[in-house]
Amino acid sequence: MCIYLCIFVDNDTAMLHNSFVLEENVIMKEFVVIKFVEAAGYQAPYRIWASYPGDIWGSPIYEVIDYFPTRKEAQAAVRAMKKA
């Protein structure tokens, strides 16, 4: 199996990503759940963003909650956090 390093722009977040792409053109990614701090002023504090190899998460306006292999699992975690 061959693995290539690719650089591309994610149109959803307008961020430049370094990603490892398998020969079959499958991008290995996971999903990160973040929660904005109250001072940021967002009505919906939770967000789910795609995370690619090499991404570094951190900002004073949000807290990284956890990483998930699928978006579906990340959505379930957000639903559970909202109920708690």
C-alpha atoms as a PDB file:
ATOM      1  CA  MET A   1       0.000   0.000   0.000  1.00  0.00           C
ATOM      2  CA  CYS A   2       1.329   3.438  -0.905  1.00  0.00           C
ATOM      3  CA  ILE A   3       0.631   6.535   1.163  1.00  0.00           C
ATOM      4  CA  TYR A   4       1.021  10.043  -0.206  1.00  0.00           C
ATOM      5  CA  LEU A   5       1.181  13.381   1.598  1.00  0.00           C
ATOM      6  CA  CYS A   6      -1.249  15.879   0.096  1.00  0.00           C
ATOM      7  CA  ILE A   7      -1.969  19.506   0.853  1.00  0.00           C
ATOM      8  CA  PHE A   8      -5.438  20.841   0.155  1.00  0.00           C
ATOM      9  CA  VAL A   9      -7.917  23.497   1.256  1.00  0.00           C
ATOM     10  CA  ASP A  10     -11.055  22.419   3.132  1.00  0.00           C
ATOM     11  CA  ASN A  11     -13.848  24.559   1.648  1.00  0.00           C
ATOM     12  CA  ASP A  12     -16.023  24.238   4.772  1.00  0.00           C
ATOM     13  CA  THR A  13     -13.496  25.896   7.064  1.00  0.00           C
ATOM     14  CA  ALA A  14     -11.198  27.574   4.510  1.00  0.00           C
ATOM     15  CA  MET A  15      -8.243  25.986   6.260  1.00  0.00           C
ATOM     16  CA  LEU A  16      -5.156  24.499   4.701  1.00  0.00           C
ATOM     17  CA  HIS A  17      -4.685  20.859   5.673  1.00  0.00           C
ATOM     18  CA  ASN A  18      -1.832  18.411   5.415  1.00  0.00           C
ATOM     19  CA  SER A  19      -3.374  14.991   4.941  1.00  0.00           C
ATOM     20  CA  PHE A  20      -2.140  11.538   4.280  1.00  0.00           C
ATOM     21  CA  VAL A  21      -4.055   9.994   1.407  1.00  0.00           C
ATOM     22  CA  LEU A  22      -4.122   6.296   0.724  1.00  0.00           C
ATOM     23  CA  GLU A  23      -3.517   5.040  -2.779  1.00  0.00           C
ATOM     24  CA  GLU A  24      -7.286   4.489  -3.126  1.00  0.00           C
ATOM     25  CA  ASN A  25      -7.783   8.271  -2.523  1.00  0.00           C
ATOM     26  CA  VAL A  26      -9.387   7.782   0.885  1.00  0.00           C
ATOM     27  CA  ILE A  27      -8.574  10.624   3.245  1.00  0.00           C
ATOM     28  CA  MET A  28      -7.960   9.417   6.784  1.00  0.00           C
ATOM     29  CA  LYS A  29      -9.849  11.808   9.043  1.00  0.00           C
ATOM     30  CA  GLU A  30     -11.647  11.896  12.335  1.00  0.00           C
ATOM     31  CA  PHE A  31     -14.042  14.348  13.903  1.00  0.00           C
ATOM     32  CA  VAL A  32     -13.382  16.682  16.798  1.00  0.00           C
ATOM     33  CA  VAL A  33     -16.114  18.020  19.082  1.00  0.00           C
ATOM     34  CA  ILE A  34     -15.467  21.502  20.397  1.00  0.00           C
ATOM     35  CA  LYS A  35     -17.393  23.682  22.819  1.00  0.00           C
ATOM     36  CA  PHE A  36     -17.150  27.453  22.574  1.00  0.00           C
ATOM     37  CA  VAL A  37     -16.645  29.325  25.833  1.00  0.00           C
ATOM     38  CA  GLU A  38     -19.545  31.434  27.009  1.00  0.00           C
ATOM     39  CA  ALA A  39     -17.677  34.669  26.295  1.00  0.00           C
ATOM     40  CA  ALA A  40     -17.512  33.753  22.593  1.00  0.00           C
ATOM     41  CA  GLY A  41     -21.253  34.468  22.380  1.00  0.00           C
ATOM     42  CA  TYR A  42     -22.390  31.478  20.293  1.00  0.00           C
ATOM     43  CA  GLN A  43     -25.988  30.344  20.856  1.00  0.00           C
ATOM     44  CA  ALA A  44     -25.119  26.753  19.933  1.00  0.00           C
ATOM     45  CA  PRO A  45     -21.855  26.149  21.812  1.00  0.00           C
ATOM     46  CA  TYR A  46     -21.020  22.716  20.355  1.00  0.00           C
ATOM     47  CA  ARG A  47     -19.464  22.213  16.921  1.00  0.00           C
ATOM     48  CA  ILE A  48     -18.214  19.151  15.065  1.00  0.00           C
ATOM     49  CA  TRP A  49     -15.297  19.719  12.724  1.00  0.00           C
ATOM     50  CA  ALA A  50     -13.339  17.319  10.550  1.00  0.00           C
ATOM     51  CA  SER A  51      -9.813  16.736  11.798  1.00  0.00           C
ATOM     52  CA  TYR A  52      -7.029  15.548   9.537  1.00  0.00           C
ATOM     53  CA  PRO A  53      -3.606  14.143  10.418  1.00  0.00           C
ATOM     54  CA  GLY A  54      -1.342  16.983  11.428  1.00  0.00           C
ATOM     55  CA  ASP A  55      -4.140  19.305  12.582  1.00  0.00           C
ATOM     56  CA  ILE A  56      -3.493  21.043  15.880  1.00  0.00           C
ATOM     57  CA  TRP A  57      -6.525  22.203  17.823  1.00  0.00           C
ATOM     58  CA  GLY A  58      -6.496  24.936  20.415  1.00  0.00           C
ATOM     59  CA  SER A  59      -7.875  28.400  20.906  1.00  0.00           C
ATOM     60  CA  PRO A  60      -8.885  30.589  23.820  1.00  0.00           C
ATOM     61  CA  ILE A  61     -12.468  30.750  22.497  1.00  0.00           C
ATOM     62  CA  TYR A  62     -13.183  27.010  22.548  1.00  0.00           C
ATOM     63  CA  GLU A  63     -12.421  23.813  24.424  1.00  0.00           C
ATOM     64  CA  VAL A  64     -11.671  20.544  22.645  1.00  0.00           C
ATOM     65  CA  ILE A  65     -14.032  17.931  24.096  1.00  0.00           C
ATOM     66  CA  ASP A  66     -12.951  14.736  22.308  1.00  0.00           C
ATOM     67  CA  TYR A  67     -12.093  13.077  18.993  1.00  0.00           C
ATOM     68  CA  PHE A  68     -14.321  10.514  17.248  1.00  0.00           C
ATOM     69  CA  PRO A  69     -13.713   8.197  14.282  1.00  0.00           C
ATOM     70  CA  THR A  70     -17.085   9.003  12.650  1.00  0.00           C
ATOM     71  CA  ARG A  71     -19.358  12.028  12.475  1.00  0.00           C
ATOM     72  CA  LYS A  72     -22.253   9.892  13.663  1.00  0.00           C
ATOM     73  CA  GLU A  73     -20.431   9.062  16.912  1.00  0.00           C
ATOM     74  CA  ALA A  74     -19.539  12.720  17.396  1.00  0.00           C
ATOM     75  CA  GLN A  75     -23.187  13.730  16.915  1.00  0.00           C
ATOM     76  CA  ALA A  76     -24.305  11.131  19.477  1.00  0.00           C
ATOM     77  CA  ALA A  77     -21.787  12.513  21.978  1.00  0.00           C
ATOM     78  CA  VAL A  78     -23.025  16.078  21.459  1.00  0.00           C
ATOM     79  CA  ARG A  79     -26.631  14.960  21.950  1.00  0.00           C
ATOM     80  CA  ALA A  80     -25.645  13.218  25.201  1.00  0.00           C
ATOM     81  CA  MET A  81     -23.790  16.335  26.434  1.00  0.00           C
ATOM     82  CA  LYS A  82     -26.816  18.539  25.701  1.00  0.00           C
ATOM     83  CA  LYS A  83     -29.098  16.220  27.704  1.00  0.00           C
ATOM     84  CA  ALA A  84     -26.774  16.169  30.708  1.00  0.00           C
END
